[in-house]
C-alpha atoms as a PDB file:
ATOM      1  CA  MET A   1      -4.215 -27.371   8.992  1.00  0.00           C
ATOM      2  CA  THR A   2      -6.728 -29.095  11.285  1.00  0.00           C
ATOM      3  CA  ARG A   3     -10.338 -28.759  10.210  1.00  0.00           C
ATOM      4  CA  GLN A   4     -13.024 -28.445  12.834  1.00  0.00           C
ATOM      5  CA  HIS A   5     -15.947 -30.804  12.421  1.00  0.00           C
ATOM      6  CA  HIS A   6     -18.767 -29.302  14.437  1.00  0.00           C
ATOM      7  CA  GLY A   7     -22.431 -29.907  13.676  1.00  0.00           C
ATOM      8  CA  ASP A   8     -22.884 -26.778  11.553  1.00  0.00           C
ATOM      9  CA  ILE A   9     -20.261 -27.884   9.035  1.00  0.00           C
ATOM     10  CA  ALA A  10     -21.797 -31.341   8.675  1.00  0.00           C
ATOM     11  CA  ARG A  11     -25.253 -29.814   8.241  1.00  0.00           C
ATOM     12  CA  PHE A  12     -24.080 -27.448   5.517  1.00  0.00           C
ATOM     13  CA  ASP A  13     -22.252 -30.291   3.776  1.00  0.00           C
ATOM     14  CA  GLU A  14     -25.532 -32.204   3.616  1.00  0.00           C
ATOM     15  CA  TRP A  15     -27.463 -29.089   2.565  1.00  0.00           C
ATOM     16  CA  SER A  16     -25.102 -28.113  -0.255  1.00  0.00           C
ATOM     17  CA  ALA A  17     -26.746 -30.174  -3.015  1.00  0.00           C
ATOM     18  CA  THR A  18     -30.110 -28.412  -2.607  1.00  0.00           C
ATOM     19  CA  TYR A  19     -28.975 -25.130  -1.048  1.00  0.00           C
ATOM     20  CA  ASP A  20     -29.506 -23.021  -4.179  1.00  0.00           C
ATOM     21  CA  ARG A  21     -32.965 -24.442  -4.872  1.00  0.00           C
ATOM     22  CA  GLY A  22     -34.625 -23.519  -1.581  1.00  0.00           C
ATOM     23  CA  PRO A  23     -36.588 -20.359  -0.709  1.00  0.00           C
ATOM     24  CA  GLY A  24     -33.642 -19.164   1.346  1.00  0.00           C
ATOM     25  CA  LYS A  25     -31.998 -17.892  -1.823  1.00  0.00           C
ATOM     26  CA  TYR A  26     -34.423 -14.926  -1.850  1.00  0.00           C
ATOM     27  CA  PHE A  27     -33.615 -14.133   1.771  1.00  0.00           C
ATOM     28  CA  PHE A  28     -29.883 -14.140   1.070  1.00  0.00           C
ATOM     29  CA  ALA A  29     -30.275 -12.158  -2.148  1.00  0.00           C
ATOM     30  CA  ARG A  30     -31.786  -9.282  -0.139  1.00  0.00           C
ATOM     31  CA  ILE A  31     -28.785  -9.317   2.174  1.00  0.00           C
ATOM     32  CA  HIS A  32     -26.210  -9.703  -0.590  1.00  0.00           C
ATOM     33  CA  ARG A  33     -27.373  -6.612  -2.469  1.00  0.00           C
ATOM     34  CA  PRO A  34     -26.362  -4.010   0.147  1.00  0.00           C
ATOM     35  CA  VAL A  35     -23.113  -5.880   0.783  1.00  0.00           C
ATOM     36  CA  VAL A  36     -22.220  -5.776  -2.921  1.00  0.00           C
ATOM     37  CA  GLU A  37     -23.088  -2.080  -3.037  1.00  0.00           C
ATOM     38  CA  ALA A  38     -20.906  -1.420  -0.004  1.00  0.00           C
ATOM     39  CA  VAL A  39     -17.976  -3.289  -1.552  1.00  0.00           C
ATOM     40  CA  CYS A  40     -18.305  -1.233  -4.729  1.00  0.00           C
ATOM     41  CA  SER A  41     -18.888   2.101  -3.006  1.00  0.00           C
ATOM     42  CA  GLY A  42     -15.294   3.275  -2.666  1.00  0.00           C
ATOM     43  CA  ARG A  43     -13.595   5.748  -4.982  1.00  0.00           C
ATOM     44  CA  VAL A  44     -11.082   3.053  -5.969  1.00  0.00           C
ATOM     45  CA  PRO A  45     -12.563  -0.378  -6.746  1.00  0.00           C
ATOM     46  CA  PRO A  46     -11.024  -3.123  -4.590  1.00  0.00           C
ATOM     47  CA  ARG A  47      -8.835  -5.591  -6.449  1.00  0.00           C
ATOM     48  CA  ARG A  48      -8.646  -8.437  -3.911  1.00  0.00           C
ATOM     49  CA  ILE A  49     -11.792  -9.591  -2.107  1.00  0.00           C
ATOM     50  CA  VAL A  50     -12.398 -12.571   0.182  1.00  0.00           C
ATOM     51  CA  ASP A  51     -15.832 -13.888   1.162  1.00  0.00           C
ATOM     52  CA  LEU A  52     -15.818 -15.916   4.382  1.00  0.00           C
ATOM     53  CA  GLY A  53     -18.549 -18.511   4.673  1.00  0.00           C
ATOM     54  CA  CYS A  54     -19.049 -18.169   0.933  1.00  0.00           C
ATOM     55  CA  GLY A  55     -21.368 -21.176   0.639  1.00  0.00           C
ATOM     56  CA  THR A  56     -22.114 -21.955  -2.991  1.00  0.00           C
ATOM     57  CA  GLY A  57     -20.703 -18.622  -4.174  1.00  0.00           C
ATOM     58  CA  ARG A  58     -23.754 -16.460  -4.777  1.00  0.00           C
ATOM     59  CA  LEU A  59     -22.237 -13.295  -3.292  1.00  0.00           C
ATOM     60  CA  LEU A  60     -19.037 -13.889  -5.258  1.00  0.00           C
ATOM     61  CA  GLU A  61     -21.131 -14.189  -8.411  1.00  0.00           C
ATOM     62  CA  GLY A  62     -22.650 -10.764  -7.748  1.00  0.00           C
ATOM     63  CA  LEU A  63     -19.225  -9.234  -7.165  1.00  0.00           C
ATOM     64  CA  LEU A  64     -17.738 -10.880 -10.242  1.00  0.00           C
ATOM     65  CA  SER A  65     -20.172  -9.104 -12.547  1.00  0.00           C
ATOM     66  CA  ARG A  66     -19.622  -5.699 -10.895  1.00  0.00           C
ATOM     67  CA  LEU A  67     -15.840  -5.724 -10.441  1.00  0.00           C
ATOM     68  CA  THR A  68     -14.389  -6.820 -13.736  1.00  0.00           C
ATOM     69  CA  GLU A  69     -10.752  -6.547 -12.642  1.00  0.00           C
ATOM     70  CA  ALA A  70     -11.024  -7.998  -9.142  1.00  0.00           C
ATOM     71  CA  GLU A  71      -9.572 -11.266  -7.888  1.00  0.00           C
ATOM     72  CA  LEU A  72     -12.100 -13.068  -5.678  1.00  0.00           C
ATOM     73  CA  THR A  73     -11.556 -15.760  -3.067  1.00  0.00           C
ATOM     74  CA  GLY A  74     -14.281 -17.785  -1.391  1.00  0.00           C
ATOM     75  CA  VAL A  75     -13.616 -19.603   1.878  1.00  0.00           C
ATOM     76  CA  ASP A  76     -15.964 -22.088   3.540  1.00  0.00           C
ATOM     77  CA  PRO A  77     -15.384 -24.991   5.940  1.00  0.00           C
ATOM     78  CA  ALA A  78     -18.055 -27.157   4.267  1.00  0.00           C
ATOM     79  CA  GLU A  79     -16.527 -29.193   1.456  1.00  0.00           C
ATOM     80  CA  GLY A  80     -19.933 -29.705  -0.152  1.00  0.00           C
ATOM     81  CA  MET A  81     -20.537 -25.969  -0.447  1.00  0.00           C
ATOM     82  CA  ILE A  82     -17.127 -25.406  -2.020  1.00  0.00           C
ATOM     83  CA  ALA A  83     -17.760 -28.295  -4.457  1.00  0.00           C
ATOM     84  CA  VAL A  84     -20.936 -26.571  -5.676  1.00  0.00           C
ATOM     85  CA  ALA A  85     -19.114 -23.239  -5.902  1.00  0.00           C
ATOM     86  CA  ARG A  86     -16.348 -24.831  -7.983  1.00  0.00           C
ATOM     87  CA  THR A  87     -18.973 -26.003 -10.444  1.00  0.00           C
ATOM     88  CA  ARG A  88     -20.451 -22.498 -10.553  1.00  0.00           C
ATOM     89  CA  PHE A  89     -17.086 -20.903 -11.327  1.00  0.00           C
ATOM     90  CA  ALA A  90     -15.572 -23.614 -13.500  1.00  0.00           C
ATOM     91  CA  GLY A  91     -13.181 -21.998 -15.961  1.00  0.00           C
ATOM     92  CA  GLU A  92     -13.286 -18.603 -14.197  1.00  0.00           C
ATOM     93  CA  PRO A  93      -9.648 -17.662 -13.480  1.00  0.00           C
ATOM     94  CA  ARG A  94     -10.539 -14.712 -11.228  1.00  0.00           C
ATOM     95  CA  VAL A  95     -12.180 -16.903  -8.567  1.00  0.00           C
ATOM     96  CA  ARG A  96     -10.239 -19.005  -6.053  1.00  0.00           C
ATOM     97  CA  LEU A  97     -12.043 -21.323  -3.642  1.00  0.00           C
ATOM     98  CA  GLU A  98     -10.672 -22.778  -0.404  1.00  0.00           C
ATOM     99  CA  VAL A  99     -11.977 -25.184   2.232  1.00  0.00           C
ATOM    100  CA  ALA A 100     -10.989 -23.552   5.526  1.00  0.00           C
ATOM    101  CA  THR A 101     -12.341 -22.053   8.728  1.00  0.00           C
ATOM    102  CA  ALA A 102     -12.323 -18.316   9.320  1.00  0.00           C
ATOM    103  CA  ASP A 103      -9.807 -18.610  12.138  1.00  0.00           C
ATOM    104  CA  HIS A 104      -7.205 -20.344   9.929  1.00  0.00           C
ATOM    105  CA  LEU A 105      -7.189 -18.545   6.576  1.00  0.00           C
ATOM    106  CA  PRO A 106      -4.884 -19.835   3.822  1.00  0.00           C
ATOM    107  CA  LEU A 107      -3.990 -16.270   2.817  1.00  0.00           C
ATOM    108  CA  ALA A 108      -0.862 -14.142   3.075  1.00  0.00           C
ATOM    109  CA  ASP A 109      -0.503 -11.206   5.427  1.00  0.00           C
ATOM    110  CA  ALA A 110      -1.910  -7.891   4.128  1.00  0.00           C
ATOM    111  CA  SER A 111      -3.018  -9.544   0.887  1.00  0.00           C
ATOM    112  CA  VAL A 112      -6.706  -8.504   0.763  1.00  0.00           C
ATOM    113  CA  ASP A 113      -8.538  -5.201   0.218  1.00  0.00           C
ATOM    114  CA  VAL A 114     -12.002  -6.263   1.419  1.00  0.00           C
ATOM    115  CA  VAL A 115     -13.318  -9.191   3.459  1.00  0.00           C
ATOM    116  CA  THR A 116     -17.042  -9.944   3.349  1.00  0.00           C
ATOM    117  CA  THR A 117     -19.183 -12.354   5.325  1.00  0.00           C
ATOM    118  CA  THR A 118     -22.964 -12.675   5.247  1.00  0.00           C
ATOM    119  CA  MET A 119     -25.053 -14.598   7.797  1.00  0.00           C
ATOM    120  CA  SER A 120     -22.010 -16.667   8.684  1.00  0.00           C
ATOM    121  CA  PHE A 121     -20.438 -14.939  11.668  1.00  0.00           C
ATOM    122  CA  HIS A 122     -22.821 -16.436  14.246  1.00  0.00           C
ATOM    123  CA  HIS A 123     -21.695 -19.916  13.142  1.00  0.00           C
ATOM    124  CA  TRP A 124     -17.999 -19.269  13.835  1.00  0.00           C
ATOM    125  CA  ASP A 125     -16.634 -21.229  16.778  1.00  0.00           C
ATOM    126  CA  HIS A 126     -13.796 -18.809  17.483  1.00  0.00           C
ATOM    127  CA  GLN A 127     -15.011 -15.343  16.560  1.00  0.00           C
ATOM    128  CA  ASP A 128     -12.165 -13.545  18.349  1.00  0.00           C
ATOM    129  CA  ALA A 129      -9.451 -15.553  16.595  1.00  0.00           C
ATOM    130  CA  ALA A 130     -11.241 -15.256  13.255  1.00  0.00           C
ATOM    131  CA  LEU A 131     -11.436 -11.468  13.472  1.00  0.00           C
ATOM    132  CA  ARG A 132      -7.707 -11.356  14.261  1.00  0.00           C
ATOM    133  CA  GLU A 133      -7.158 -13.435  11.132  1.00  0.00           C
ATOM    134  CA  VAL A 134      -9.227 -10.955   9.129  1.00  0.00           C
ATOM    135  CA  VAL A 135      -7.042  -8.114  10.393  1.00  0.00           C
ATOM    136  CA  ARG A 136      -3.928 -10.129   9.514  1.00  0.00           C
ATOM    137  CA  VAL A 137      -4.936 -10.691   5.889  1.00  0.00           C
ATOM    138  CA  LEU A 138      -6.315  -7.181   5.296  1.00  0.00           C
ATOM    139  CA  ALA A 139      -4.008  -4.613   3.753  1.00  0.00           C
ATOM    140  CA  PRO A 140      -3.642  -1.336   5.702  1.00  0.00           C
ATOM    141  CA  GLY A 141      -6.909   0.573   5.312  1.00  0.00           C
ATOM    142  CA  GLY A 142      -8.729  -2.586   4.213  1.00  0.00           C
ATOM    143  CA  ARG A 143     -12.362  -3.184   5.158  1.00  0.00           C
ATOM    144  CA  LEU A 144     -14.459  -5.912   6.737  1.00  0.00           C
ATOM    145  CA  LEU A 145     -18.138  -5.975   5.733  1.00  0.00           C
ATOM    146  CA  LEU A 146     -20.050  -8.276   8.075  1.00  0.00           C
ATOM    147  CA  ALA A 147     -23.789  -8.796   7.638  1.00  0.00           C
ATOM    148  CA  ASP A 148     -25.487 -10.834  10.340  1.00  0.00           C
ATOM    149  CA  VAL A 149     -28.151 -10.929  13.013  1.00  0.00           C
ATOM    150  CA  LEU A 150     -27.006  -9.158  16.169  1.00  0.00           C
ATOM    151  CA  GLY A 151     -28.337  -9.874  19.635  1.00  0.00           C
ATOM    152  CA  ILE A 152     -30.197  -6.550  19.793  1.00  0.00           C
ATOM    153  CA  GLY A 153     -33.861  -6.003  20.663  1.00  0.00           C
ATOM    154  CA  PHE A 154     -36.418  -8.662  21.576  1.00  0.00           C
ATOM    155  CA  PHE A 155     -35.731 -10.995  18.650  1.00  0.00           C
ATOM    156  CA  GLY A 156     -31.982 -10.655  19.040  1.00  0.00           C
ATOM    157  CA  ARG A 157     -32.147 -11.416  22.750  1.00  0.00           C
ATOM    158  CA  LEU A 158     -34.314 -14.434  22.018  1.00  0.00           C
ATOM    159  CA  LEU A 159     -31.751 -15.773  19.561  1.00  0.00           C
ATOM    160  CA  ARG A 160     -28.955 -15.182  22.069  1.00  0.00           C
ATOM    161  CA  SER A 161     -30.770 -17.399  24.566  1.00  0.00           C
ATOM    162  CA  THR A 162     -31.734 -20.153  22.103  1.00  0.00           C
ATOM    163  CA  GLY A 163     -29.114 -20.049  19.351  1.00  0.00           C
ATOM    164  CA  ARG A 164     -25.908 -20.955  21.161  1.00  0.00           C
ATOM    165  CA  GLY A 165     -25.687 -24.167  19.164  1.00  0.00           C
ATOM    166  CA  HIS A 166     -24.474 -22.044  16.262  1.00  0.00           C
ATOM    167  CA  GLY A 167     -20.801 -21.573  17.045  1.00  0.00           C
ATOM    168  CA  SER A 168     -20.374 -18.573  19.338  1.00  0.00           C
ATOM    169  CA  GLY A 169     -23.862 -17.331  18.539  1.00  0.00           C
ATOM    170  CA  TYR A 170     -25.281 -13.861  18.206  1.00  0.00           C
ATOM    171  CA  ARG A 171     -23.358 -10.918  19.650  1.00  0.00           C
ATOM    172  CA  ASN A 172     -24.916  -7.813  21.129  1.00  0.00           C
ATOM    173  CA  ALA A 173     -23.551  -4.337  20.411  1.00  0.00           C
ATOM    174  CA  PRO A 174     -21.065  -4.102  23.328  1.00  0.00           C
ATOM    175  CA  GLU A 175     -19.719  -7.577  22.589  1.00  0.00           C
ATOM    176  CA  MET A 176     -19.277  -6.812  18.898  1.00  0.00           C
ATOM    177  CA  THR A 177     -17.513  -3.564  19.739  1.00  0.00           C
ATOM    178  CA  ALA A 178     -15.128  -5.369  22.084  1.00  0.00           C
ATOM    179  CA  LEU A 179     -14.412  -8.102  19.531  1.00  0.00           C
ATOM    180  CA  LEU A 180     -13.576  -5.590  16.803  1.00  0.00           C
ATOM    181  CA  ARG A 181     -11.439  -3.455  19.096  1.00  0.00           C
ATOM    182  CA  ASP A 182      -9.511  -6.403  20.515  1.00  0.00           C
ATOM    183  CA  ALA A 183      -8.929  -7.854  17.037  1.00  0.00           C
ATOM    184  CA  GLY A 184      -7.146  -4.652  15.992  1.00  0.00           C
ATOM    185  CA  PHE A 185      -9.672  -2.740  13.909  1.00  0.00           C
ATOM    186  CA  SER A 186      -9.203   1.010  14.132  1.00  0.00           C
ATOM    187  CA  ALA A 187     -12.771   2.080  13.287  1.00  0.00           C
ATOM    188  CA  TRP A 188     -16.195   0.511  12.823  1.00  0.00           C
ATOM    189  CA  ARG A 189     -19.839   1.361  12.360  1.00  0.00           C
ATOM    190  CA  ARG A 190     -23.080  -0.514  11.833  1.00  0.00           C
ATOM    191  CA  ARG A 191     -26.371   0.120  10.070  1.00  0.00           C
ATOM    192  CA  ARG A 192     -29.537  -1.886  10.200  1.00  0.00           C
ATOM    193  CA  LEU A 193     -30.750  -3.562   7.036  1.00  0.00           C
ATOM    194  CA  SER A 194     -34.458  -3.380   6.242  1.00  0.00           C
ATOM    195  CA  TRP A 195     -35.895  -6.478   7.913  1.00  0.00           C
ATOM    196  CA  PRO A 196     -38.902  -5.616  10.121  1.00  0.00           C
ATOM    197  CA  GLY A 197     -38.445  -7.122  13.547  1.00  0.00           C
ATOM    198  CA  ILE A 198     -35.200  -8.939  12.684  1.00  0.00           C
ATOM    199  CA  PRO A 199     -31.982  -7.201  13.815  1.00  0.00           C
ATOM    200  CA  ILE A 200     -29.865  -7.839  10.720  1.00  0.00           C
ATOM    201  CA  TYR A 201     -27.024  -5.335  10.590  1.00  0.00           C
ATOM    202  CA  LEU A 202     -24.203  -4.547   8.198  1.00  0.00           C
ATOM    203  CA  VAL A 203     -21.085  -3.894  10.243  1.00  0.00           C
ATOM    204  CA  GLU A 204     -18.224  -2.133   8.469  1.00  0.00           C
ATOM    205  CA  ALA A 205     -14.827  -2.191  10.162  1.00  0.00           C
ATOM    206  CA  ARG A 206     -11.523  -0.847   8.909  1.00  0.00           C
ATOM    207  CA  ARG A 207      -7.983  -1.884   9.578  1.00  0.00           C
ATOM    208  CA  SER A 208      -5.605   0.902  10.509  1.00  0.00           C
ATOM    209  CA  THR A 209      -3.730   2.504   7.628  1.00  0.00           C
ATOM    210  CA  SER A 210      -0.504   1.834   9.529  1.00  0.00           C
ATOM    211  CA  PRO A 211       0.957  -1.613   8.815  1.00  0.00           C
END
C-alpha cells in the first residue's frame, strides 16, 4: 500500500511526542464524550469498532473502559501517533493499531460494527474514496460517527475559505449529504455539539441493512 506524505501527516508525526501534554487534550475530551456515548447508545453493544485518525488513542481508551467485550482498531497515517498509541495500549489484546490512510483501510469487507472519527475528516485528502471505504468495511446496518467542524455559518464559511490546506477541508451541509449518499450510506443525520460559535457537528450515518 502506498502511503501519502502530505504536510498534515508530517506535522502530526512531529507533534506526536507532545500531543497529549498540550491544552488541546481538553478540547478533544469534550468532543470524545458525546462520541463515546453515541457508540454505546444502541440496544446491543458493538463488538468491532474502528477509529479513523485515532491519533494517540484517547478515544479508544474511553471506549475500552466502557465496552469490555469489544475489539478496537485505531488507524492513523502518522507513524508517530501510532507509536504513542502502541505505548498506551501495550499488552492490551483488544486493541489493534494500524498505520494507514482512511481511503486504504487494512480491514476486511463487512468486518466492523461502528466507525468513528473525530476532528480528522477535514484532513482527509480523498474524502469521497474514504467514505466508500468506510461503507465497505461496515457490516450491514453498521454506523459511522463523524465529529468535525462543518462549513456552516460564519465561522464555518471562514474556515472553508482559509482552511483548504487541510486535505479536502471543511464541507458544508449539501456537500456532506452528497458525499454520504454517493458513498452508499442509506441514512444519516447530524446534531450540533455545544461549542458556541464553532460549527462542530456529530454526523451519524448508517449503512444499509442489505449486504
